[in-house]
Amino acid sequence: MADYPLAISWEACGALTGQLYCASGTSDALNDTAKGYAYNPTIDTWSPIIDLPMTMWASGYTAANGMLLVSGGVSRPG
């Protein structure tokens, strides 16, 4: 599997229509991010998706009704 485009943790991920969608997260090197990516296992590639409206990490999340739903989480400065 191709490496995730960012070195982060605490991202929100869910499977939709045969692809894995991930968004947000944090790292010591990059701080918090609103970036998101979709993984296509057929071509083993991550592609950018639309950014979240704000940076966050440790969110509640689920994949349902064709969407990655992200709720709450931690956003600096608090």
Protein backbone atom coordinates (compact mmCIF):
# COMPACT_ATOMS: atom_id res chain seq x y z
CA MET A 1 0.00 0.00 0.00
CA ALA A 2 1.26 3.46 -0.88
CA ASP A 3 2.31 5.65 2.06
CA TYR A 4 -0.18 8.25 3.27
CA PRO A 5 0.83 11.67 1.84
CA LEU A 6 1.37 13.19 5.31
CA ALA A 7 3.18 11.89 8.39
CA ILE A 8 0.26 12.35 10.81
CA SER A 9 -1.81 10.57 13.43
CA TRP A 10 -5.32 10.95 14.85
CA GLU A 11 -6.85 11.34 11.39
CA ALA A 12 -10.49 10.43 10.64
CA CYS A 13 -10.89 7.60 8.10
CA GLY A 14 -13.70 5.59 6.57
CA ALA A 15 -14.35 3.32 3.58
CA LEU A 16 -16.73 4.51 0.86
CA THR A 17 -17.39 2.95 -2.55
CA GLY A 18 -14.28 0.79 -2.44
CA GLN A 19 -11.91 3.61 -1.43
CA LEU A 20 -10.50 4.76 1.92
CA TYR A 21 -11.10 8.43 2.79
CA CYS A 22 -9.04 10.16 5.50
CA ALA A 23 -9.08 13.76 6.72
CA SER A 24 -7.54 15.97 9.40
CA GLY A 25 -4.95 14.82 11.94
CA THR A 26 -1.88 16.13 13.73
CA SER A 27 1.87 15.62 14.00
CA ASP A 28 4.82 17.19 15.77
CA ALA A 29 6.37 18.20 12.44
CA LEU A 30 3.25 19.47 10.63
CA ASN A 31 0.99 20.53 13.51
CA ASP A 32 -2.76 20.16 12.85
CA THR A 33 -4.15 19.79 9.35
CA ALA A 34 -7.45 20.11 7.52
CA LYS A 35 -6.09 18.17 4.51
CA GLY A 36 -7.81 15.03 3.28
CA TYR A 37 -6.96 12.22 0.87
CA ALA A 38 -8.68 9.24 -0.75
CA TYR A 39 -6.90 5.93 -1.33
CA ASN A 40 -7.75 3.92 -4.42
CA PRO A 41 -6.54 0.33 -3.87
CA THR A 42 -6.91 -0.55 -7.57
CA ILE A 43 -4.17 1.87 -8.57
CA ASP A 44 -2.46 2.05 -5.14
CA THR A 45 -2.61 5.85 -5.04
CA TRP A 46 -3.70 8.58 -2.60
CA SER A 47 -5.43 11.61 -4.17
CA PRO A 48 -6.30 14.93 -2.49
CA ILE A 49 -9.91 15.61 -1.53
CA ILE A 50 -11.51 18.85 -0.40
CA ASP A 51 -10.06 20.25 2.86
CA LEU A 52 -12.12 20.31 6.04
CA PRO A 53 -13.31 23.81 7.01
CA MET A 54 -10.90 23.85 9.98
CA THR A 55 -7.93 21.95 11.39
CA MET A 56 -8.70 19.27 13.95
CA TRP A 57 -7.64 15.90 15.27
CA ALA A 58 -9.00 13.13 17.55
CA SER A 59 -12.47 13.62 16.05
CA GLY A 60 -15.47 11.37 16.10
CA TYR A 61 -16.04 9.97 12.61
CA THR A 62 -17.95 7.45 10.53
CA ALA A 63 -18.53 6.64 6.88
CA ALA A 64 -22.24 6.64 5.98
CA ASN A 65 -24.56 7.58 3.13
CA GLY A 66 -21.63 8.18 0.77
CA MET A 67 -19.89 10.67 3.07
CA LEU A 68 -17.09 10.74 5.60
CA LEU A 69 -18.73 12.40 8.60
CA VAL A 70 -16.31 14.13 11.00
CA SER A 71 -17.55 15.59 14.27
CA GLY A 72 -15.81 17.46 17.07
CA GLY A 73 -12.19 16.87 17.91
CA VAL A 74 -9.32 19.02 19.12
CA SER A 75 -8.37 22.25 17.40
CA ARG A 76 -5.58 24.51 18.61
CA PRO A 77 -5.41 26.80 20.49
CA GLY A 78 -8.02 24.75 22.36
